[in-house]
Amino acid sequence: MIFLLIIYAILSLAGINAEFEVLTNIGRIDCVIEFDKQIFIFEFKLDTPATAALKQIINKKYADKYKLRNKKIFIIGANIDTSQRNIGEYIIE
């Protein structure tokens, strides 16, 4: 999706190393950003509530891949609102 490429470009320009379309045994994580003490797992949806994106992270157990790293894991579900051309809403757990 084009918006993932835009997010990748922005993060790269900011010097943040992010992985996109990370494979798991159940699906693909849209974006993972890993720091020394934290891991951020993102799922983006287009014109869909952020709750749906968050539910996907939980239902497909995307965080399980990172639990043994002893880092705090944040899961973020975000809605990309095409009418506003911006992030419409997001939820962090």
PDB file of N, CA and C in Angstrom:
ATOM      1  N   MET A   1       0.827  -1.179   0.000  1.00  0.00           N
ATOM      2  CA  MET A   1       0.000   0.000   0.000  1.00  0.00           C
ATOM      3  C   MET A   1       0.872   1.243   0.000  1.00  0.00           C
ATOM      4  N   ILE A   2       0.403   2.233  -0.674  1.00  0.00           N
ATOM      5  CA  ILE A   2       1.189   3.453  -0.852  1.00  0.00           C
ATOM      6  C   ILE A   2       1.422   4.178   0.467  1.00  0.00           C
ATOM      7  N   PHE A   3       0.430   4.146   1.372  1.00  0.00           N
ATOM      8  CA  PHE A   3       0.630   4.872   2.623  1.00  0.00           C
ATOM      9  C   PHE A   3       1.725   4.234   3.477  1.00  0.00           C
ATOM     10  N   LEU A   4       1.942   2.917   3.354  1.00  0.00           N
ATOM     11  CA  LEU A   4       3.056   2.282   4.071  1.00  0.00           C
ATOM     12  C   LEU A   4       4.397   2.765   3.528  1.00  0.00           C
ATOM     13  N   LEU A   5       4.458   2.994   2.232  1.00  0.00           N
ATOM     14  CA  LEU A   5       5.687   3.538   1.647  1.00  0.00           C
ATOM     15  C   LEU A   5       5.962   4.951   2.146  1.00  0.00           C
ATOM     16  N   ILE A   6       4.904   5.722   2.304  1.00  0.00           N
ATOM     17  CA  ILE A   6       5.063   7.090   2.815  1.00  0.00           C
ATOM     18  C   ILE A   6       5.531   7.057   4.267  1.00  0.00           C
ATOM     19  N   ILE A   7       4.922   6.185   5.067  1.00  0.00           N
ATOM     20  CA  ILE A   7       5.337   6.057   6.467  1.00  0.00           C
ATOM     21  C   ILE A   7       6.784   5.592   6.544  1.00  0.00           C
ATOM     22  N   TYR A   8       7.151   4.638   5.696  1.00  0.00           N
ATOM     23  CA  TYR A   8       8.538   4.163   5.648  1.00  0.00           C
ATOM     24  C   TYR A   8       9.496   5.311   5.321  1.00  0.00           C
ATOM     25  N   ALA A   9       9.143   6.124   4.348  1.00  0.00           N
ATOM     26  CA  ALA A   9      10.001   7.247   3.955  1.00  0.00           C
ATOM     27  C   ALA A   9      10.166   8.240   5.095  1.00  0.00           C
ATOM     28  N   ILE A  10       9.078   8.546   5.777  1.00  0.00           N
ATOM     29  CA  ILE A  10       9.141   9.489   6.894  1.00  0.00           C
ATOM     30  C   ILE A  10      10.022   8.946   8.015  1.00  0.00           C
ATOM     31  N   LEU A  11       9.822   7.690   8.372  1.00  0.00           N
ATOM     32  CA  LEU A  11      10.627   7.101   9.445  1.00  0.00           C
ATOM     33  C   LEU A  11      12.101   7.020   9.053  1.00  0.00           C
ATOM     34  N   SER A  12      12.370   6.675   7.818  1.00  0.00           N
ATOM     35  CA  SER A  12      13.762   6.606   7.345  1.00  0.00           C
ATOM     36  C   SER A  12      14.436   7.964   7.394  1.00  0.00           C
ATOM     37  N   LEU A  13      13.722   9.004   6.967  1.00  0.00           N
ATOM     38  CA  LEU A  13      14.275  10.352   7.020  1.00  0.00           C
ATOM     39  C   LEU A  13      14.537  10.799   8.453  1.00  0.00           C
ATOM     40  N   ALA A  14      13.754  10.282   9.392  1.00  0.00           N
ATOM     41  CA  ALA A  14      13.941  10.613  10.807  1.00  0.00           C
ATOM     42  C   ALA A  14      15.036   9.759  11.451  1.00  0.00           C
ATOM     43  N   GLY A  15      15.600   8.828  10.681  1.00  0.00           N
ATOM     44  CA  GLY A  15      16.666   7.978  11.197  1.00  0.00           C
ATOM     45  C   GLY A  15      16.175   6.805  12.033  1.00  0.00           C
ATOM     46  N   ILE A  16      14.900   6.459  11.880  1.00  0.00           N
ATOM     47  CA  ILE A  16      14.318   5.346  12.641  1.00  0.00           C
ATOM     48  C   ILE A  16      14.295   4.103  11.760  1.00  0.00           C
ATOM     49  N   ASN A  17      14.885   3.038  12.275  1.00  0.00           N
ATOM     50  CA  ASN A  17      14.923   1.777  11.539  1.00  0.00           C
ATOM     51  C   ASN A  17      13.634   1.007  11.806  1.00  0.00           C
ATOM     52  N   ALA A  18      12.784   0.893  10.828  1.00  0.00           N
ATOM     53  CA  ALA A  18      11.500   0.205  10.959  1.00  0.00           C
ATOM     54  C   ALA A  18      11.446  -0.949   9.969  1.00  0.00           C
ATOM     55  N   GLU A  19      10.783  -2.017  10.395  1.00  0.00           N
ATOM     56  CA  GLU A  19      10.549  -3.159   9.510  1.00  0.00           C
ATOM     57  C   GLU A  19       9.080  -3.131   9.083  1.00  0.00           C
ATOM     58  N   PHE A  20       8.837  -3.429   7.818  1.00  0.00           N
ATOM     59  CA  PHE A  20       7.475  -3.427   7.299  1.00  0.00           C
ATOM     60  C   PHE A  20       7.127  -4.795   6.743  1.00  0.00           C
ATOM     61  N   GLU A  21       5.838  -5.127   6.837  1.00  0.00           N
ATOM     62  CA  GLU A  21       5.322  -6.408   6.342  1.00  0.00           C
ATOM     63  C   GLU A  21       6.100  -7.578   6.945  1.00  0.00           C
ATOM     64  N   VAL A  22       6.224  -7.561   8.270  1.00  0.00           N
ATOM     65  CA  VAL A  22       6.966  -8.591   9.003  1.00  0.00           C
ATOM     66  C   VAL A  22       6.116  -9.855   9.073  1.00  0.00           C
ATOM     67  N   LEU A  23       6.665 -10.962   8.593  1.00  0.00           N
ATOM     68  CA  LEU A  23       5.923 -12.221   8.560  1.00  0.00           C
ATOM     69  C   LEU A  23       5.852 -12.880   9.929  1.00  0.00           C
ATOM     70  N   THR A  24       4.666 -13.428  10.232  1.00  0.00           N
ATOM     71  CA  THR A  24       4.482 -14.301  11.388  1.00  0.00           C
ATOM     72  C   THR A  24       3.855 -15.581  10.858  1.00  0.00           C
ATOM     73  N   ASN A  25       3.614 -16.524  11.752  1.00  0.00           N
ATOM     74  CA  ASN A  25       3.002 -17.777  11.290  1.00  0.00           C
ATOM     75  C   ASN A  25       1.517 -17.604  10.965  1.00  0.00           C
ATOM     76  N   ILE A  26       0.920 -16.469  11.339  1.00  0.00           N
ATOM     77  CA  ILE A  26      -0.510 -16.262  11.104  1.00  0.00           C
ATOM     78  C   ILE A  26      -0.787 -15.124  10.129  1.00  0.00           C
ATOM     79  N   GLY A  27       0.136 -14.214   9.960  1.00  0.00           N
ATOM     80  CA  GLY A  27      -0.117 -13.069   9.090  1.00  0.00           C
ATOM     81  C   GLY A  27       1.099 -12.188   8.927  1.00  0.00           C
ATOM     82  N   ARG A  28       0.860 -10.938   8.597  1.00  0.00           N
ATOM     83  CA  ARG A  28       1.935  -9.961   8.405  1.00  0.00           C
ATOM     84  C   ARG A  28       1.667  -8.733   9.257  1.00  0.00           C
ATOM     85  N   ILE A  29       2.696  -8.340   9.986  1.00  0.00           N
ATOM     86  CA  ILE A  29       2.609  -7.131  10.794  1.00  0.00           C
ATOM     87  C   ILE A  29       2.946  -5.968   9.867  1.00  0.00           C
ATOM     88  N   ASP A  30       2.128  -4.923   9.879  1.00  0.00           N
ATOM     89  CA  ASP A  30       2.380  -3.780   8.999  1.00  0.00           C
ATOM     90  C   ASP A  30       3.714  -3.111   9.300  1.00  0.00           C
ATOM     91  N   CYS A  31       4.001  -2.867  10.578  1.00  0.00           N
ATOM     92  CA  CYS A  31       5.233  -2.146  10.912  1.00  0.00           C
ATOM     93  C   CYS A  31       5.683  -2.508  12.319  1.00  0.00           C
ATOM     94  N   VAL A  32       6.994  -2.710  12.485  1.00  0.00           N
ATOM     95  CA  VAL A  32       7.600  -2.944  13.794  1.00  0.00           C
ATOM     96  C   VAL A  32       8.792  -2.009  13.931  1.00  0.00           C
ATOM     97  N   ILE A  33       8.810  -1.295  15.054  1.00  0.00           N
ATOM     98  CA  ILE A  33       9.946  -0.440  15.379  1.00  0.00           C
ATOM     99  C   ILE A  33      10.494  -0.930  16.707  1.00  0.00           C
ATOM    100  N   GLU A  34      11.779  -1.258  16.729  1.00  0.00           N
ATOM    101  CA  GLU A  34      12.396  -1.797  17.932  1.00  0.00           C
ATOM    102  C   GLU A  34      13.503  -0.866  18.415  1.00  0.00           C
ATOM    103  N   PHE A  35      13.410  -0.516  19.697  1.00  0.00           N
ATOM    104  CA  PHE A  35      14.427   0.288  20.366  1.00  0.00           C
ATOM    105  C   PHE A  35      15.090  -0.562  21.447  1.00  0.00           C
ATOM    106  N   ASP A  36      15.989   0.030  22.199  1.00  0.00           N
ATOM    107  CA  ASP A  36      16.702  -0.714  23.235  1.00  0.00           C
ATOM    108  C   ASP A  36      15.773  -1.320  24.282  1.00  0.00           C
ATOM    109  N   LYS A  37      14.739  -0.577  24.673  1.00  0.00           N
ATOM    110  CA  LYS A  37      13.872  -1.035  25.757  1.00  0.00           C
ATOM    111  C   LYS A  37      12.411  -1.214  25.366  1.00  0.00           C
ATOM    112  N   GLN A  38      12.044  -0.842  24.146  1.00  0.00           N
ATOM    113  CA  GLN A  38      10.657  -0.943  23.714  1.00  0.00           C
ATOM    114  C   GLN A  38      10.549  -1.485  22.295  1.00  0.00           C
ATOM    115  N   ILE A  39       9.386  -2.091  22.054  1.00  0.00           N
ATOM    116  CA  ILE A  39       9.019  -2.536  20.709  1.00  0.00           C
ATOM    117  C   ILE A  39       7.627  -1.988  20.424  1.00  0.00           C
ATOM    118  N   PHE A  40       7.470  -1.388  19.254  1.00  0.00           N
ATOM    119  CA  PHE A  40       6.188  -0.840  18.830  1.00  0.00           C
ATOM    120  C   PHE A  40       5.687  -1.651  17.638  1.00  0.00           C
ATOM    121  N   ILE A  41       4.484  -2.197  17.775  1.00  0.00           N
ATOM    122  CA  ILE A  41       3.871  -2.992  16.715  1.00  0.00           C
ATOM    123  C   ILE A  41       2.670  -2.216  16.189  1.00  0.00           C
ATOM    124  N   PHE A  42       2.692  -1.919  14.902  1.00  0.00           N
ATOM    125  CA  PHE A  42       1.645  -1.111  14.279  1.00  0.00           C
ATOM    126  C   PHE A  42       0.820  -1.942  13.298  1.00  0.00           C
ATOM    127  N   GLU A  43      -0.470  -1.705  13.307  1.00  0.00           N
ATOM    128  CA  GLU A  43      -1.362  -2.224  12.269  1.00  0.00           C
ATOM    129  C   GLU A  43      -2.170  -1.036  11.768  1.00  0.00           C
ATOM    130  N   PHE A  44      -2.139  -0.811  10.470  1.00  0.00           N
ATOM    131  CA  PHE A  44      -2.847   0.309   9.856  1.00  0.00           C
ATOM    132  C   PHE A  44      -4.040  -0.209   9.069  1.00  0.00           C
ATOM    133  N   LYS A  45      -5.150   0.495   9.184  1.00  0.00           N
ATOM    134  CA  LYS A  45      -6.341   0.187   8.401  1.00  0.00           C
ATOM    135  C   LYS A  45      -6.750   1.439   7.651  1.00  0.00           C
ATOM    136  N   LEU A  46      -7.298   1.242   6.484  1.00  0.00           N
ATOM    137  CA  LEU A  46      -7.752   2.351   5.648  1.00  0.00           C
ATOM    138  C   LEU A  46      -9.248   2.549   5.847  1.00  0.00           C
ATOM    139  N   ASP A  47      -9.646   3.724   6.332  1.00  0.00           N
ATOM    140  CA  ASP A  47     -11.054   4.066   6.545  1.00  0.00           C
ATOM    141  C   ASP A  47     -11.809   3.003   7.346  1.00  0.00           C
ATOM    142  N   THR A  48     -11.145   2.486   8.353  1.00  0.00           N
ATOM    143  CA  THR A  48     -11.698   1.463   9.244  1.00  0.00           C
ATOM    144  C   THR A  48     -11.339   1.865  10.671  1.00  0.00           C
ATOM    145  N   PRO A  49     -12.212   1.617  11.627  1.00  0.00           N
ATOM    146  CA  PRO A  49     -11.894   2.011  12.995  1.00  0.00           C
ATOM    147  C   PRO A  49     -10.571   1.434  13.504  1.00  0.00           C
ATOM    148  N   ALA A  50      -9.889   2.208  14.308  1.00  0.00           N
ATOM    149  CA  ALA A  50      -8.609   1.766  14.878  1.00  0.00           C
ATOM    150  C   ALA A  50      -8.789   0.525  15.741  1.00  0.00           C
ATOM    151  N   THR A  51      -9.982   0.356  16.284  1.00  0.00           N
ATOM    152  CA  THR A  51     -10.236  -0.842  17.098  1.00  0.00           C
ATOM    153  C   THR A  51     -10.082  -2.117  16.272  1.00  0.00           C
ATOM    154  N   ALA A  52     -10.441  -2.074  14.999  1.00  0.00           N
ATOM    155  CA  ALA A  52     -10.292  -3.244  14.126  1.00  0.00           C
ATOM    156  C   ALA A  52      -8.819  -3.590  13.933  1.00  0.00           C
ATOM    157  N   ALA A  53      -7.991  -2.570  13.800  1.00  0.00           N
ATOM    158  CA  ALA A  53      -6.555  -2.796  13.646  1.00  0.00           C
ATOM    159  C   ALA A  53      -5.972  -3.383  14.925  1.00  0.00           C
ATOM    160  N   LEU A  54      -6.386  -2.856  16.062  1.00  0.00           N
ATOM    161  CA  LEU A  54      -5.892  -3.360  17.347  1.00  0.00           C
ATOM    162  C   LEU A  54      -6.333  -4.803  17.571  1.00  0.00           C
ATOM    163  N   LYS A  55      -7.590  -5.098  17.222  1.00  0.00           N
ATOM    164  CA  LYS A  55      -8.088  -6.479  17.353  1.00  0.00           C
ATOM    165  C   LYS A  55      -7.283  -7.448  16.500  1.00  0.00           C
ATOM    166  N   GLN A  56      -6.865  -7.013  15.314  1.00  0.00           N
ATOM    167  CA  GLN A  56      -6.056  -7.880  14.456  1.00  0.00           C
ATOM    168  C   GLN A  56      -4.726  -8.210  15.119  1.00  0.00           C
ATOM    169  N   ILE A  57      -4.088  -7.224  15.722  1.00  0.00           N
ATOM    170  CA  ILE A  57      -2.819  -7.460  16.415  1.00  0.00           C
ATOM    171  C   ILE A  57      -3.017  -8.481  17.527  1.00  0.00           C
ATOM    172  N   ILE A  58      -4.104  -8.329  18.280  1.00  0.00           N
ATOM    173  CA  ILE A  58      -4.371  -9.227  19.398  1.00  0.00           C
ATOM    174  C   ILE A  58      -4.768 -10.619  18.909  1.00  0.00           C
ATOM    175  N   ASN A  59      -5.712 -10.686  17.966  1.00  0.00           N
ATOM    176  CA  ASN A  59      -6.211 -11.980  17.481  1.00  0.00           C
ATOM    177  C   ASN A  59      -5.145 -12.815  16.781  1.00  0.00           C
ATOM    178  N   LYS A  60      -4.257 -12.142  16.066  1.00  0.00           N
ATOM    179  CA  LYS A  60      -3.207 -12.868  15.349  1.00  0.00           C
ATOM    180  C   LYS A  60      -1.923 -12.983  16.158  1.00  0.00           C
ATOM    181  N   LYS A  61      -1.977 -12.523  17.406  1.00  0.00           N
ATOM    182  CA  LYS A  61      -0.875 -12.684  18.358  1.00  0.00           C
ATOM    183  C   LYS A  61       0.455 -12.189  17.813  1.00  0.00           C
ATOM    184  N   TYR A  62       0.429 -11.024  17.175  1.00  0.00           N
ATOM    185  CA  TYR A  62       1.641 -10.467  16.589  1.00  0.00           C
ATOM    186  C   TYR A  62       2.729 -10.212  17.627  1.00  0.00           C
ATOM    187  N   ALA A  63       2.352  -9.867  18.844  1.00  0.00           N
ATOM    188  CA  ALA A  63       3.342  -9.556  19.879  1.00  0.00           C
ATOM    189  C   ALA A  63       4.098 -10.791  20.355  1.00  0.00           C
ATOM    190  N   ASP A  64       3.527 -11.986  20.167  1.00  0.00           N
ATOM    191  CA  ASP A  64       4.174 -13.213  20.638  1.00  0.00           C
ATOM    192  C   ASP A  64       5.584 -13.380  20.080  1.00  0.00           C
ATOM    193  N   LYS A  65       5.793 -12.920  18.877  1.00  0.00           N
ATOM    194  CA  LYS A  65       7.095 -13.053  18.223  1.00  0.00           C
ATOM    195  C   LYS A  65       8.191 -12.305  18.986  1.00  0.00           C
ATOM    196  N   TYR A  66       7.812 -11.318  19.792  1.00  0.00           N
ATOM    197  CA  TYR A  66       8.777 -10.437  20.446  1.00  0.00           C
ATOM    198  C   TYR A  66       8.817 -10.584  21.973  1.00  0.00           C
ATOM    199  N   LYS A  67       7.993 -11.433  22.546  1.00  0.00           N
ATOM    200  CA  LYS A  67       7.890 -11.531  24.006  1.00  0.00           C
ATOM    201  C   LYS A  67       9.173 -11.982  24.693  1.00  0.00           C
ATOM    202  N   LEU A  68       9.976 -12.779  24.060  1.00  0.00           N
ATOM    203  CA  LEU A  68      11.198 -13.275  24.697  1.00  0.00           C
ATOM    204  C   LEU A  68      12.339 -12.260  24.700  1.00  0.00           C
ATOM    205  N   ARG A  69      12.130 -11.112  24.135  1.00  0.00           N
ATOM    206  CA  ARG A  69      13.189 -10.096  24.064  1.00  0.00           C
ATOM    207  C   ARG A  69      13.271  -9.229  25.318  1.00  0.00           C
ATOM    208  N   ASN A  70      12.398  -9.459  26.277  1.00  0.00           N
ATOM    209  CA  ASN A  70      12.397  -8.712  27.540  1.00  0.00           C
ATOM    210  C   ASN A  70      12.371  -7.207  27.345  1.00  0.00           C
ATOM    211  N   LYS A  71      11.517  -6.765  26.450  1.00  0.00           N
ATOM    212  CA  LYS A  71      11.316  -5.348  26.204  1.00  0.00           C
ATOM    213  C   LYS A  71       9.837  -5.038  26.360  1.00  0.00           C
ATOM    214  N   LYS A  72       9.528  -3.795  26.709  1.00  0.00           N
ATOM    215  CA  LYS A  72       8.129  -3.393  26.803  1.00  0.00           C
ATOM    216  C   LYS A  72       7.549  -3.326  25.390  1.00  0.00           C
ATOM    217  N   ILE A  73       6.404  -3.960  25.207  1.00  0.00           N
ATOM    218  CA  ILE A  73       5.772  -4.020  23.887  1.00  0.00           C
ATOM    219  C   ILE A  73       4.532  -3.135  23.879  1.00  0.00           C
ATOM    220  N   PHE A  74       4.475  -2.252  22.900  1.00  0.00           N
ATOM    221  CA  PHE A  74       3.312  -1.397  22.681  1.00  0.00           C
ATOM    222  C   PHE A  74       2.655  -1.848  21.382  1.00  0.00           C
ATOM    223  N   ILE A  75       1.337  -2.005  21.409  1.00  0.00           N
ATOM    224  CA  ILE A  75       0.619  -2.316  20.175  1.00  0.00           C
ATOM    225  C   ILE A  75      -0.230  -1.104  19.811  1.00  0.00           C
ATOM    226  N   ILE A  76      -0.184  -0.752  18.532  1.00  0.00           N
ATOM    227  CA  ILE A  76      -0.851   0.448  18.057  1.00  0.00           C
ATOM    228  C   ILE A  76      -1.712   0.105  16.846  1.00  0.00           C
ATOM    229  N   GLY A  77      -2.995   0.355  16.975  1.00  0.00           N
ATOM    230  CA  GLY A  77      -3.910   0.212  15.850  1.00  0.00           C
ATOM    231  C   GLY A  77      -4.256   1.598  15.346  1.00  0.00           C
ATOM    232  N   ALA A  78      -4.137   1.808  14.050  1.00  0.00           N
ATOM    233  CA  ALA A  78      -4.373   3.146  13.497  1.00  0.00           C
ATOM    234  C   ALA A  78      -5.288   3.083  12.278  1.00  0.00           C
ATOM    235  N   ASN A  79      -6.123   4.122  12.160  1.00  0.00           N
ATOM    236  CA  ASN A  79      -6.977   4.286  10.996  1.00  0.00           C
ATOM    237  C   ASN A  79      -6.405   5.411  10.139  1.00  0.00           C
ATOM    238  N   ILE A  80      -6.172   5.126   8.881  1.00  0.00           N
ATOM    239  CA  ILE A  80      -5.775   6.152   7.926  1.00  0.00           C
ATOM    240  C   ILE A  80      -7.055   6.643   7.256  1.00  0.00           C
ATOM    241  N   ASP A  81      -7.399   7.896   7.490  1.00  0.00           N
ATOM    242  CA  ASP A  81      -8.617   8.496   6.954  1.00  0.00           C
ATOM    243  C   ASP A  81      -8.303   9.133   5.600  1.00  0.00           C
ATOM    244  N   THR A  82      -8.808   8.526   4.535  1.00  0.00           N
ATOM    245  CA  THR A  82      -8.485   9.015   3.190  1.00  0.00           C
ATOM    246  C   THR A  82      -9.117  10.362   2.892  1.00  0.00           C
ATOM    247  N   SER A  83     -10.259  10.666   3.509  1.00  0.00           N
ATOM    248  CA  SER A  83     -10.885  11.962   3.255  1.00  0.00           C
ATOM    249  C   SER A  83     -10.089  13.106   3.884  1.00  0.00           C
ATOM    250  N   GLN A  84      -9.440  12.830   5.012  1.00  0.00           N
ATOM    251  CA  GLN A  84      -8.615  13.839   5.677  1.00  0.00           C
ATOM    252  C   GLN A  84      -7.153  13.771   5.248  1.00  0.00           C
ATOM    253  N   ARG A  85      -6.798  12.656   4.576  1.00  0.00           N
ATOM    254  CA  ARG A  85      -5.403  12.407   4.188  1.00  0.00           C
ATOM    255  C   ARG A  85      -4.484  12.472   5.403  1.00  0.00           C
ATOM    256  N   ASN A  86      -4.913  11.760   6.468  1.00  0.00           N
ATOM    257  CA  ASN A  86      -4.184  11.817   7.710  1.00  0.00           C
ATOM    258  C   ASN A  86      -4.579  10.617   8.572  1.00  0.00           C
ATOM    259  N   ILE A  87      -3.907  10.457   9.697  1.00  0.00           N
ATOM    260  CA  ILE A  87      -4.315   9.434  10.641  1.00  0.00           C
ATOM    261  C   ILE A  87      -5.586   9.923  11.316  1.00  0.00           C
ATOM    262  N   GLY A  88      -6.665   9.176  11.134  1.00  0.00           N
ATOM    263  CA  GLY A  88      -7.945   9.582  11.688  1.00  0.00           C
ATOM    264  C   GLY A  88      -8.036   9.312  13.173  1.00  0.00           C
ATOM    265  N   GLU A  89      -7.588   8.163  13.593  1.00  0.00           N
ATOM    266  CA  GLU A  89      -7.567   7.810  15.013  1.00  0.00           C
ATOM    267  C   GLU A  89      -6.534   6.715  15.222  1.00  0.00           C
ATOM    268  N   TYR A  90      -6.131   6.570  16.476  1.00  0.00           N
ATOM    269  CA  TYR A  90      -5.226   5.495  16.829  1.00  0.00           C
ATOM    270  C   TYR A  90      -5.454   5.096  18.280  1.00  0.00           C
ATOM    271  N   ILE A  91      -5.105   3.865  18.597  1.00  0.00           N
ATOM    272  CA  ILE A  91      -5.227   3.332  19.955  1.00  0.00           C
ATOM    273  C   ILE A  91      -3.908   2.661  20.302  1.00  0.00           C
ATOM    274  N   ILE A  92      -3.425   2.940  21.506  1.00  0.00           N
ATOM    275  CA  ILE A  92      -2.174   2.348  21.971  1.00  0.00           C
ATOM    276  C   ILE A  92      -2.460   1.532  23.218  1.00  0.00           C
ATOM    277  N   GLU A  93      -1.967   0.312  23.244  1.00  0.00           N
ATOM    278  CA  GLU A  93      -2.050  -0.527  24.453  1.00  0.00           C
ATOM    279  C   GLU A  93      -0.662  -1.005  24.810  1.00  0.00           C
TER     280      GLU A  93
END
